Amino acid sequence: MLIEFSFANFRSFQDLTTLSMVAAKISSKYEELDTNNVFKADTKLNLLKSKAIYGQNASGKSNIIKALVTFLMIVRHSVKSEEVISKLASPFQLNATNSEKPTFFQIILCVSPKEGETALYRYGFEVKDGKIVTEWLFGKIGREEVPFFTRQGMDIQAYNRFREAKKFAGLSQSGDNEIFRDNSLFLTAVSAMGGTFAKSITEIISDITIVMGLGDPRIKSALQEILKDKEAKESILALMRAADFDIDNIESLDSDSEDQGPPDDMPDELKELFRQGKIKKTPSFVTQRPVFGHKGEKVSILTTDFDEWESEGTKKLFYLSAFLLQTLKDGDVLFIDEFDARLHPLLTKKIVQLFNSNDTNPKGAQLIFVTHDTNLLKANLLRRDQICFVNKDKFGISTLRTLVEYKGVRNDASYDKDYLSGKYAAVPFLNRLDQIFEN
């Protein structure tokens, strides 16, 4: 479970910025929001199940997601790739003095309680010029936060709670080690060397899912694996049908199908399309729909290529479906950029309601999304601490604030109307367009 993610000196964000999932001590006009939209991580920590990020075009909304992507990529690949930091960690460049500062990342996570105690872990690092400047891991079990390890350059101090790392700390000083380098994370390196605790922390971080676009081939690969599970497949089909899509079935094709011919258990309709060359190389999917006669009776099945036949909205819901269902099932964290693109407002609202529900989200799964959809800016759907606005000033600096931080905003206010009227800023200056065309 995500408590907060912080970053600084990254793209359009110059100063320290924190996306917090901690529930504020506020009351909503609708009491059910304070019951359904919030869950207890432990006796003293309440977390939000969802968070919406609004802002005008080019304000820096997507840079929040990109900051997390960069953080995750460095955690996952810094041992394997010596260039991942220099390629992804892009500092704020519109201030000449900023070039001397490192880029900062930190995440705080809550791990499911074991033996009655909830564990909180705070992990982060700073990077500059493609190298790790500092790195740290702290843990809090009970009341006291204790260090697991700290790092300054290549000087690493591992503490007793991180015994598996103590034997590796000295290796970082040699300078010729392929794993412990100045451009690789110590936590990831210990995990790669078989450290069980380090691996558990990196896996918790890696379980965070980010969807930034539908062109990523990994989405289709993940769906192919998920569709092999009959129960998961039925859940996806149920979601598609509930959204009023008349899809009867969805099939995926194995990656080597075209080279070896159609598998024996493939339906005859698919085999014929395969022989005709109308089915693309995988990752690809086909959909099946019933064909009805003049009396309304089912007479046959129409099988079509998914990407060529289906609408953009159908594609997006299908590609999102696996992540939505898996996140709700496992109680994980899901980030979605451009959440409302291609989807009907009632459908995006329903997805948010699925997360903000004790019935459909009993494990406290979390959805954080970037959107322009003002249909979701309602006091009967989201609490004030679930709504964020990104603004960019005349110096090109982006800032992030929740609605709770705006003074004088009541819990029964018309958030959508106030937002569009410019009360919270984060909207485009449309009068400039009038001036441009008038001139």
Protein backbone atom coordinates (compact mmCIF):
# COMPACT_ATOMS: atom_id res chain seq x y z
CA MET A 1 0.00 0.00 0.00
CA LEU A 2 1.30 3.42 -0.99
CA ILE A 3 1.62 6.05 1.73
CA GLU A 4 3.43 8.68 -0.30
CA PHE A 5 5.79 9.26 -3.21
CA SER A 6 8.09 12.29 -3.23
CA PHE A 7 10.45 13.72 -5.83
CA ALA A 8 12.36 16.93 -6.55
CA ASN A 9 14.35 18.46 -9.40
CA PHE A 10 12.64 16.34 -12.04
CA ARG A 11 11.41 17.74 -15.35
CA SER A 12 8.99 20.61 -14.59
CA PHE A 13 9.06 20.06 -10.81
CA GLN A 14 11.91 22.02 -9.25
CA ASP A 15 10.98 21.79 -5.56
CA LEU A 16 10.15 18.84 -3.33
CA THR A 17 6.74 17.48 -4.34
CA THR A 18 4.80 14.80 -2.46
CA LEU A 19 1.86 12.79 -3.69
CA SER A 20 0.34 11.61 -0.41
CA MET A 21 -2.28 8.89 0.03
CA VAL A 22 -2.70 9.64 3.74
CA ALA A 23 -6.30 10.58 4.53
CA ALA A 24 -6.70 14.06 5.97
CA LYS A 25 -8.66 14.60 9.17
CA ILE A 26 -11.71 16.00 7.41
CA SER A 27 -15.38 15.15 7.16
CA SER A 28 -17.32 14.87 3.91
CA LYS A 29 -20.86 16.06 3.37
CA TYR A 30 -21.71 12.48 2.46
CA GLU A 31 -20.72 10.24 5.37
CA GLU A 32 -20.37 7.15 3.18
CA LEU A 33 -17.30 8.71 1.53
CA ASP A 34 -15.46 8.75 4.84
CA THR A 35 -16.32 5.07 5.27
CA ASN A 36 -15.83 3.72 1.75
CA ASN A 37 -13.09 5.92 0.26
CA VAL A 38 -10.70 5.44 3.19
CA PHE A 39 -9.21 2.31 4.75
CA LYS A 40 -7.17 1.65 7.88
CA ALA A 41 -3.58 0.58 7.26
CA ASP A 42 -3.12 0.31 11.01
CA THR A 43 -4.70 1.81 14.12
CA LYS A 44 -3.19 5.26 13.51
CA LEU A 45 -2.89 5.39 9.72
CA ASN A 46 -5.80 5.91 7.33
CA LEU A 47 -5.10 5.77 3.59
CA LEU A 48 -7.09 6.82 0.53
CA LYS A 49 -8.29 4.32 -2.04
CA SER A 50 -8.10 6.70 -4.97
CA LYS A 51 -6.71 10.07 -6.02
CA ALA A 52 -7.45 12.29 -9.03
CA ILE A 53 -4.88 14.66 -10.54
CA TYR A 54 -6.19 17.64 -12.57
CA GLY A 55 -4.49 20.48 -14.40
CA GLN A 56 -4.29 22.31 -17.70
CA ASN A 57 -2.39 20.95 -20.68
CA ALA A 58 1.40 21.16 -20.23
CA SER A 59 1.04 21.91 -16.51
CA GLY A 60 3.16 18.90 -15.56
CA LYS A 61 0.51 16.33 -14.58
CA SER A 62 2.12 13.52 -16.55
CA ASN A 63 5.52 14.39 -15.09
CA ILE A 64 4.27 13.05 -11.75
CA ILE A 65 3.67 9.69 -13.40
CA LYS A 66 7.00 9.93 -15.26
CA ALA A 67 8.80 10.58 -11.98
CA LEU A 68 7.40 7.35 -10.58
CA VAL A 69 8.22 5.49 -13.80
CA THR A 70 11.82 6.72 -13.55
CA PHE A 71 12.02 5.67 -9.91
CA LEU A 72 10.69 2.18 -10.71
CA MET A 73 12.93 1.73 -13.76
CA ILE A 74 16.04 2.62 -11.76
CA VAL A 75 15.01 0.19 -9.01
CA ARG A 76 14.36 -2.59 -11.51
CA HIS A 77 17.21 -2.08 -13.98
CA SER A 78 20.12 -0.16 -12.45
CA VAL A 79 22.10 -3.38 -11.88
CA LYS A 80 21.53 -4.58 -15.46
CA SER A 81 21.84 -1.24 -17.27
CA GLU A 82 24.57 1.33 -16.66
CA GLU A 83 22.65 3.95 -18.66
CA VAL A 84 19.17 3.80 -17.10
CA ILE A 85 19.86 6.71 -14.72
CA SER A 86 21.40 9.05 -17.29
CA LYS A 87 18.62 8.30 -19.79
CA LEU A 88 15.61 8.71 -17.48
CA ALA A 89 16.52 11.06 -14.62
CA SER A 90 15.87 14.41 -16.29
CA PRO A 91 16.40 17.35 -13.89
CA PHE A 92 14.60 20.70 -13.98
CA GLN A 93 16.46 22.79 -16.55
CA LEU A 94 14.79 26.21 -16.48
CA ASN A 95 16.92 27.47 -13.60
CA ALA A 96 20.67 27.89 -14.10
CA THR A 97 21.51 27.17 -10.44
CA ASN A 98 19.62 23.89 -10.49
CA SER A 99 22.28 22.04 -12.47
CA GLU A 100 24.33 21.53 -9.31
CA LYS A 101 21.51 19.80 -7.44
CA PRO A 102 20.69 16.07 -7.54
CA THR A 103 17.32 14.60 -8.50
CA PHE A 104 15.51 13.20 -5.47
CA PHE A 105 13.14 10.20 -5.21
CA GLN A 106 11.54 8.65 -2.13
CA ILE A 107 8.68 6.25 -1.51
CA ILE A 108 6.97 5.24 1.73
CA LEU A 109 5.10 1.94 1.69
CA CYS A 110 2.94 0.07 4.16
CA VAL A 111 3.34 -3.69 4.23
CA SER A 112 0.47 -5.93 5.31
CA PRO A 113 0.69 -6.64 9.03
CA LYS A 114 2.35 -9.79 10.29
CA GLU A 115 1.86 -10.98 13.82
CA GLY A 116 -0.21 -7.91 14.59
CA GLU A 117 2.39 -5.29 13.57
CA THR A 118 2.26 -3.11 10.47
CA ALA A 119 5.62 -2.38 8.83
CA LEU A 120 6.34 0.93 7.12
CA TYR A 121 9.37 1.31 4.86
CA ARG A 122 10.90 4.54 3.60
CA TYR A 123 13.25 4.05 0.68
CA GLY A 124 14.85 6.61 -1.60
CA PHE A 125 17.90 7.87 -3.43
CA GLU A 126 19.37 10.90 -5.15
CA VAL A 127 21.02 10.83 -8.58
CA LYS A 128 23.20 13.30 -10.46
CA ASP A 129 25.14 13.01 -13.72
CA GLY A 130 24.10 9.37 -14.12
CA LYS A 131 25.36 8.30 -10.68
CA ILE A 132 23.89 7.51 -7.26
CA VAL A 133 24.68 10.35 -4.85
CA THR A 134 22.85 9.03 -1.77
CA GLU A 135 20.60 6.07 -0.97
CA TRP A 136 18.75 5.01 2.15
CA LEU A 137 16.27 2.54 3.60
CA PHE A 138 14.48 3.04 6.92
CA GLY A 139 11.83 0.87 8.52
CA LYS A 140 9.22 1.46 11.17
CA ILE A 141 7.72 -1.48 13.02
CA GLY A 142 5.77 -0.19 15.98
CA ARG A 143 6.69 3.33 17.08
CA GLU A 144 10.34 3.79 16.19
CA GLU A 145 11.87 4.28 12.75
CA VAL A 146 15.27 2.61 12.40
CA PRO A 147 17.87 2.63 9.59
CA PHE A 148 18.50 -0.48 7.50
CA PHE A 149 21.26 1.09 5.44
CA THR A 150 22.53 4.49 4.34
CA ARG A 151 24.80 5.42 1.46
CA GLN A 152 26.95 8.38 0.49
CA GLY A 153 28.54 7.83 -2.91
CA MET A 154 30.15 4.40 -2.62
CA ASP A 155 30.35 4.52 1.18
CA ILE A 156 27.62 2.20 2.51
CA GLN A 157 26.66 1.65 6.14
CA ALA A 158 24.50 -1.47 6.69
CA TYR A 159 22.88 -1.93 10.10
CA ASN A 160 21.95 -5.01 12.11
CA ARG A 161 18.37 -5.10 10.83
CA PHE A 162 19.82 -5.56 7.33
CA ARG A 163 22.34 -8.29 8.15
CA GLU A 164 22.18 -9.87 4.71
CA ALA A 165 23.64 -6.65 3.29
CA LYS A 166 26.52 -6.22 5.75
CA LYS A 167 28.68 -8.76 3.92
CA PHE A 168 28.12 -6.90 0.63
CA ALA A 169 28.72 -3.37 1.91
CA GLY A 170 32.51 -3.76 1.67
CA LEU A 171 32.38 -4.94 -1.94
CA SER A 172 31.15 -1.53 -3.02
CA GLN A 173 34.54 -0.04 -2.12
CA SER A 174 36.53 -2.12 -4.64
CA GLY A 175 35.34 -0.08 -7.61
CA ASP A 176 35.68 -2.93 -10.11
CA ASN A 177 32.60 -4.91 -9.09
CA GLU A 178 30.07 -5.46 -11.89
CA ILE A 179 27.06 -5.23 -9.55
CA PHE A 180 28.06 -2.73 -6.85
CA ARG A 181 28.74 0.35 -9.00
CA ASP A 182 28.33 4.08 -8.61
CA ASN A 183 25.43 3.92 -11.09
CA SER A 184 23.59 0.97 -9.52
CA LEU A 185 21.38 0.91 -6.43
CA PHE A 186 22.69 -0.96 -3.41
CA LEU A 187 19.21 -2.32 -2.56
CA THR A 188 18.76 -3.75 -6.06
CA ALA A 189 22.29 -5.17 -6.01
CA VAL A 190 21.73 -6.98 -2.69
CA SER A 191 18.49 -8.36 -4.11
CA ALA A 192 20.35 -9.60 -7.20
CA MET A 193 22.91 -11.30 -4.95
CA GLY A 194 20.17 -13.32 -3.23
CA GLY A 195 19.25 -11.06 -0.32
CA THR A 196 15.75 -12.19 0.67
CA PHE A 197 14.73 -9.03 2.53
CA ALA A 198 16.11 -6.76 -0.19
CA LYS A 199 14.22 -8.81 -2.77
CA SER A 200 10.97 -8.50 -0.80
CA ILE A 201 11.29 -4.69 -0.75
CA THR A 202 12.13 -4.42 -4.46
CA GLU A 203 9.19 -6.71 -5.28
CA ILE A 204 6.79 -4.57 -3.23
CA ILE A 205 7.98 -1.52 -5.16
CA SER A 206 7.83 -3.35 -8.51
CA ASP A 207 4.22 -4.41 -7.83
CA ILE A 208 3.15 -0.83 -8.51
CA THR A 209 1.56 -0.80 -11.97
CA ILE A 210 1.65 2.21 -14.29
CA VAL A 211 -0.36 2.55 -17.50
CA MET A 212 0.75 5.50 -19.62
CA GLY A 213 -0.41 4.43 -23.06
CA LEU A 214 -1.94 1.52 -24.93
CA GLY A 215 0.95 1.13 -27.37
CA ASP A 216 3.12 -0.68 -24.84
CA PRO A 217 3.48 -4.31 -26.09
CA ARG A 218 3.88 -5.46 -22.48
CA ILE A 219 0.18 -4.75 -21.96
CA LYS A 220 -0.77 -7.29 -24.60
CA SER A 221 1.77 -9.80 -23.31
CA ALA A 222 0.33 -9.48 -19.82
CA LEU A 223 -3.19 -9.92 -21.15
CA GLN A 224 -2.19 -13.06 -23.04
CA GLU A 225 -0.96 -14.63 -19.82
CA ILE A 226 -4.02 -13.54 -17.86
CA LEU A 227 -6.45 -14.90 -20.47
CA LYS A 228 -4.97 -18.36 -19.93
CA ASP A 229 -6.62 -18.32 -16.51
CA LYS A 230 -10.29 -19.25 -17.07
CA GLU A 231 -11.52 -17.42 -13.98
CA ALA A 232 -9.61 -14.25 -14.86
CA LYS A 233 -10.85 -14.44 -18.45
CA GLU A 234 -14.46 -14.69 -17.33
CA SER A 235 -13.97 -11.66 -15.10
CA ILE A 236 -12.61 -9.64 -18.03
CA LEU A 237 -15.48 -10.72 -20.28
CA ALA A 238 -17.97 -9.85 -17.54
CA LEU A 239 -16.46 -6.39 -17.25
CA MET A 240 -16.64 -5.86 -21.02
CA ARG A 241 -20.26 -7.01 -21.15
CA ALA A 242 -21.19 -4.83 -18.19
CA ALA A 243 -19.91 -1.85 -20.16
CA ASP A 244 -22.51 -2.72 -22.81
CA PHE A 245 -20.14 -4.27 -25.33
CA ASP A 246 -21.74 -7.16 -27.23
CA ILE A 247 -18.62 -9.32 -27.09
CA ASP A 248 -19.27 -13.03 -26.68
CA ASN A 249 -15.66 -14.18 -26.37
CA ILE A 250 -12.03 -13.01 -26.67
CA GLU A 251 -9.20 -15.31 -27.71
CA SER A 252 -5.45 -14.69 -27.73
CA LEU A 253 -2.91 -16.36 -30.00
CA ASP A 254 0.40 -17.77 -28.82
CA SER A 255 3.57 -16.04 -30.03
CA ASP A 256 4.66 -18.98 -32.16
CA SER A 257 1.27 -19.75 -33.68
CA GLU A 258 2.01 -18.40 -37.16
CA ASP A 259 5.28 -20.31 -37.44
CA GLN A 260 3.91 -23.69 -36.36
CA GLY A 261 0.37 -23.48 -37.69
CA PRO A 262 -2.86 -23.19 -35.71
CA PRO A 263 -3.04 -25.28 -32.51
CA ASP A 264 -5.44 -28.24 -32.51
CA ASP A 265 -7.68 -26.77 -29.80
CA MET A 266 -8.20 -23.50 -31.69
CA PRO A 267 -11.85 -22.95 -32.75
CA ASP A 268 -12.54 -23.68 -36.44
CA GLU A 269 -13.44 -20.04 -37.12
CA LEU A 270 -10.01 -18.94 -35.87
CA LYS A 271 -8.21 -21.64 -37.84
CA GLU A 272 -9.78 -20.39 -41.05
CA LEU A 273 -8.78 -16.78 -40.34
CA PHE A 274 -5.31 -18.03 -39.52
CA ARG A 275 -5.00 -19.83 -42.88
CA GLN A 276 -6.24 -16.73 -44.72
CA GLY A 277 -3.59 -14.59 -43.06
CA LYS A 278 -6.19 -12.27 -41.51
CA ILE A 279 -4.86 -12.74 -38.00
CA LYS A 280 -1.74 -10.72 -37.15
CA LYS A 281 1.34 -11.99 -35.44
CA THR A 282 1.03 -11.95 -31.70
CA PRO A 283 0.55 -10.28 -29.39
CA SER A 284 -2.89 -10.20 -30.98
CA PHE A 285 -6.46 -10.99 -30.04
CA VAL A 286 -9.68 -11.87 -31.80
CA THR A 287 -13.24 -11.21 -30.69
CA GLN A 288 -16.31 -13.32 -31.27
CA ARG A 289 -19.88 -12.05 -31.50
CA PRO A 290 -23.16 -13.84 -32.09
CA VAL A 291 -24.87 -13.36 -35.46
CA PHE A 292 -28.69 -13.37 -35.28
CA GLY A 293 -31.32 -14.37 -37.82
CA HIS A 294 -34.46 -12.44 -38.75
CA LYS A 295 -36.38 -14.08 -35.87
CA GLY A 296 -33.71 -13.13 -33.34
CA GLU A 297 -32.25 -16.61 -33.16
CA LYS A 298 -28.48 -17.14 -32.94
CA VAL A 299 -27.35 -18.49 -36.29
CA SER A 300 -23.54 -18.21 -36.24
CA ILE A 301 -20.45 -16.61 -34.69
CA LEU A 302 -18.59 -13.67 -36.22
CA THR A 303 -14.85 -13.72 -35.48
CA THR A 304 -12.83 -10.58 -36.12
CA ASP A 305 -9.38 -9.16 -35.48
CA PHE A 306 -9.60 -7.20 -32.23
CA ASP A 307 -7.32 -4.27 -33.15
CA GLU A 308 -8.87 -3.75 -36.58
CA TRP A 309 -12.53 -4.23 -35.68
CA GLU A 310 -13.02 -2.77 -32.22
CA SER A 311 -13.48 0.88 -31.28
CA GLU A 312 -10.79 2.81 -29.43
CA GLY A 313 -12.94 2.84 -26.29
CA THR A 314 -13.40 -0.94 -26.38
CA LYS A 315 -9.66 -1.43 -26.82
CA LYS A 316 -8.82 0.81 -23.89
CA LEU A 317 -11.28 -0.88 -21.54
CA PHE A 318 -9.99 -4.31 -22.57
CA TYR A 319 -6.36 -3.34 -22.10
CA LEU A 320 -7.16 -1.72 -18.74
CA SER A 321 -9.41 -4.56 -17.58
CA ALA A 322 -6.61 -6.92 -16.59
CA PHE A 323 -4.87 -4.25 -14.52
CA LEU A 324 -8.09 -3.10 -12.88
CA LEU A 325 -9.17 -6.60 -11.89
CA GLN A 326 -5.71 -7.73 -10.80
CA THR A 327 -5.16 -4.60 -8.71
CA LEU A 328 -8.50 -4.99 -6.94
CA LYS A 329 -7.90 -8.69 -6.40
CA ASP A 330 -4.42 -8.31 -4.87
CA GLY A 331 -4.82 -4.95 -3.12
CA ASP A 332 -2.03 -3.36 -5.18
CA VAL A 333 -1.41 0.15 -6.53
CA LEU A 334 -2.36 1.30 -10.06
CA PHE A 335 -1.43 4.59 -11.75
CA ILE A 336 -3.19 5.59 -14.98
CA ASP A 337 -2.28 8.58 -17.15
CA GLU A 338 -5.01 10.12 -19.37
CA PHE A 339 -7.59 8.04 -17.54
CA ASP A 340 -10.62 9.58 -19.26
CA ALA A 341 -9.30 9.39 -22.82
CA ARG A 342 -11.57 7.23 -25.05
CA LEU A 343 -13.85 6.21 -22.18
CA HIS A 344 -17.39 7.40 -21.50
CA PRO A 345 -17.75 9.60 -18.37
CA LEU A 346 -20.16 7.13 -16.76
CA LEU A 347 -17.63 4.34 -17.27
CA THR A 348 -14.74 6.24 -15.67
CA LYS A 349 -17.04 7.16 -12.79
CA LYS A 350 -17.96 3.51 -12.31
CA ILE A 351 -14.31 2.44 -12.26
CA VAL A 352 -13.57 5.01 -9.55
CA GLN A 353 -16.58 3.75 -7.58
CA LEU A 354 -15.22 0.19 -7.80
CA PHE A 355 -12.11 1.33 -5.94
CA ASN A 356 -14.04 3.55 -3.52
CA SER A 357 -16.08 0.64 -2.21
CA ASN A 358 -15.67 -1.74 0.68
CA ASP A 359 -17.57 -4.40 -1.27
CA THR A 360 -15.54 -4.40 -4.50
CA ASN A 361 -12.27 -3.23 -2.91
CA PRO A 362 -11.97 -4.98 0.47
CA LYS A 363 -8.14 -5.18 0.34
CA GLY A 364 -7.50 -1.47 -0.02
CA ALA A 365 -6.28 -1.37 -3.62
CA GLN A 366 -5.32 2.15 -4.70
CA LEU A 367 -6.03 3.98 -7.98
CA ILE A 368 -4.19 7.21 -8.82
CA PHE A 369 -5.15 8.76 -12.14
CA VAL A 370 -4.51 11.85 -14.27
CA THR A 371 -7.66 13.23 -15.88
CA HIS A 372 -9.54 16.21 -17.34
CA ASP A 373 -12.94 14.62 -16.62
CA THR A 374 -14.87 17.13 -14.48
CA ASN A 375 -17.66 14.56 -14.19
CA LEU A 376 -15.55 13.06 -11.38
CA LEU A 377 -15.14 16.39 -9.54
CA LYS A 378 -18.16 15.82 -7.34
CA ALA A 379 -18.56 16.12 -3.59
CA ASN A 380 -20.62 12.92 -3.57
CA LEU A 381 -17.85 10.91 -5.28
CA LEU A 382 -14.47 12.16 -3.99
CA ARG A 383 -13.27 13.69 -0.74
CA ARG A 384 -11.31 16.94 -0.86
CA ASP A 385 -8.07 15.09 -0.07
CA GLN A 386 -8.66 12.83 -3.10
CA ILE A 387 -8.48 15.74 -5.53
CA CYS A 388 -5.16 17.30 -6.67
CA PHE A 389 -4.40 20.23 -8.95
CA VAL A 390 -1.17 20.85 -10.85
CA ASN A 391 -0.24 24.41 -11.76
CA LYS A 392 2.76 25.81 -13.63
CA ASP A 393 4.01 29.34 -12.99
CA LYS A 394 5.66 31.84 -15.37
CA PHE A 395 9.08 30.34 -14.58
CA GLY A 396 7.98 26.91 -15.81
CA ILE A 397 7.80 25.41 -12.29
CA SER A 398 5.02 22.91 -11.59
CA THR A 399 3.41 22.55 -8.17
CA LEU A 400 0.96 20.02 -6.77
CA ARG A 401 -1.76 20.83 -4.20
CA THR A 402 -4.77 18.93 -2.90
CA LEU A 403 -8.15 20.59 -2.55
CA VAL A 404 -7.73 20.46 1.24
CA GLU A 405 -4.88 22.98 0.92
CA TYR A 406 -7.14 25.58 -0.69
CA LYS A 407 -8.64 27.84 1.96
CA GLY A 408 -12.37 28.29 2.20
CA VAL A 409 -13.41 25.21 0.16
CA ARG A 410 -16.47 23.66 1.80
CA ASN A 411 -17.26 19.95 1.68
CA ASP A 412 -20.49 20.69 -0.21
CA ALA A 413 -18.94 23.01 -2.81
CA SER A 414 -19.45 22.54 -6.55
CA TYR A 415 -15.90 21.39 -7.23
CA ASP A 416 -16.40 20.99 -10.97
CA LYS A 417 -17.93 24.44 -11.53
CA ASP A 418 -15.39 26.14 -9.29
CA TYR A 419 -12.56 24.38 -11.11
CA LEU A 420 -13.79 25.38 -14.57
CA SER A 421 -14.30 28.97 -13.40
CA GLY A 422 -10.62 29.12 -12.44
CA LYS A 423 -11.04 29.17 -8.66
CA TYR A 424 -8.31 26.54 -8.23
CA ALA A 425 -6.30 27.75 -11.25
CA ALA A 426 -5.00 24.65 -13.14
CA VAL A 427 -7.08 25.65 -16.20
CA PRO A 428 -5.91 27.10 -19.56
CA PHE A 429 -6.13 30.84 -20.29
CA LEU A 430 -8.53 30.62 -23.20
CA ASN A 431 -8.74 34.38 -23.72
CA ARG A 432 -5.24 34.16 -25.20
CA LEU A 433 -6.64 32.05 -28.02
CA ASP A 434 -9.21 34.75 -28.78
CA GLN A 435 -6.44 37.36 -28.96
CA ILE A 436 -4.35 35.20 -31.30
CA PHE A 437 -7.18 34.71 -33.80
CA GLU A 438 -8.38 38.31 -33.52
CA ASN A 439 -4.87 39.54 -34.36
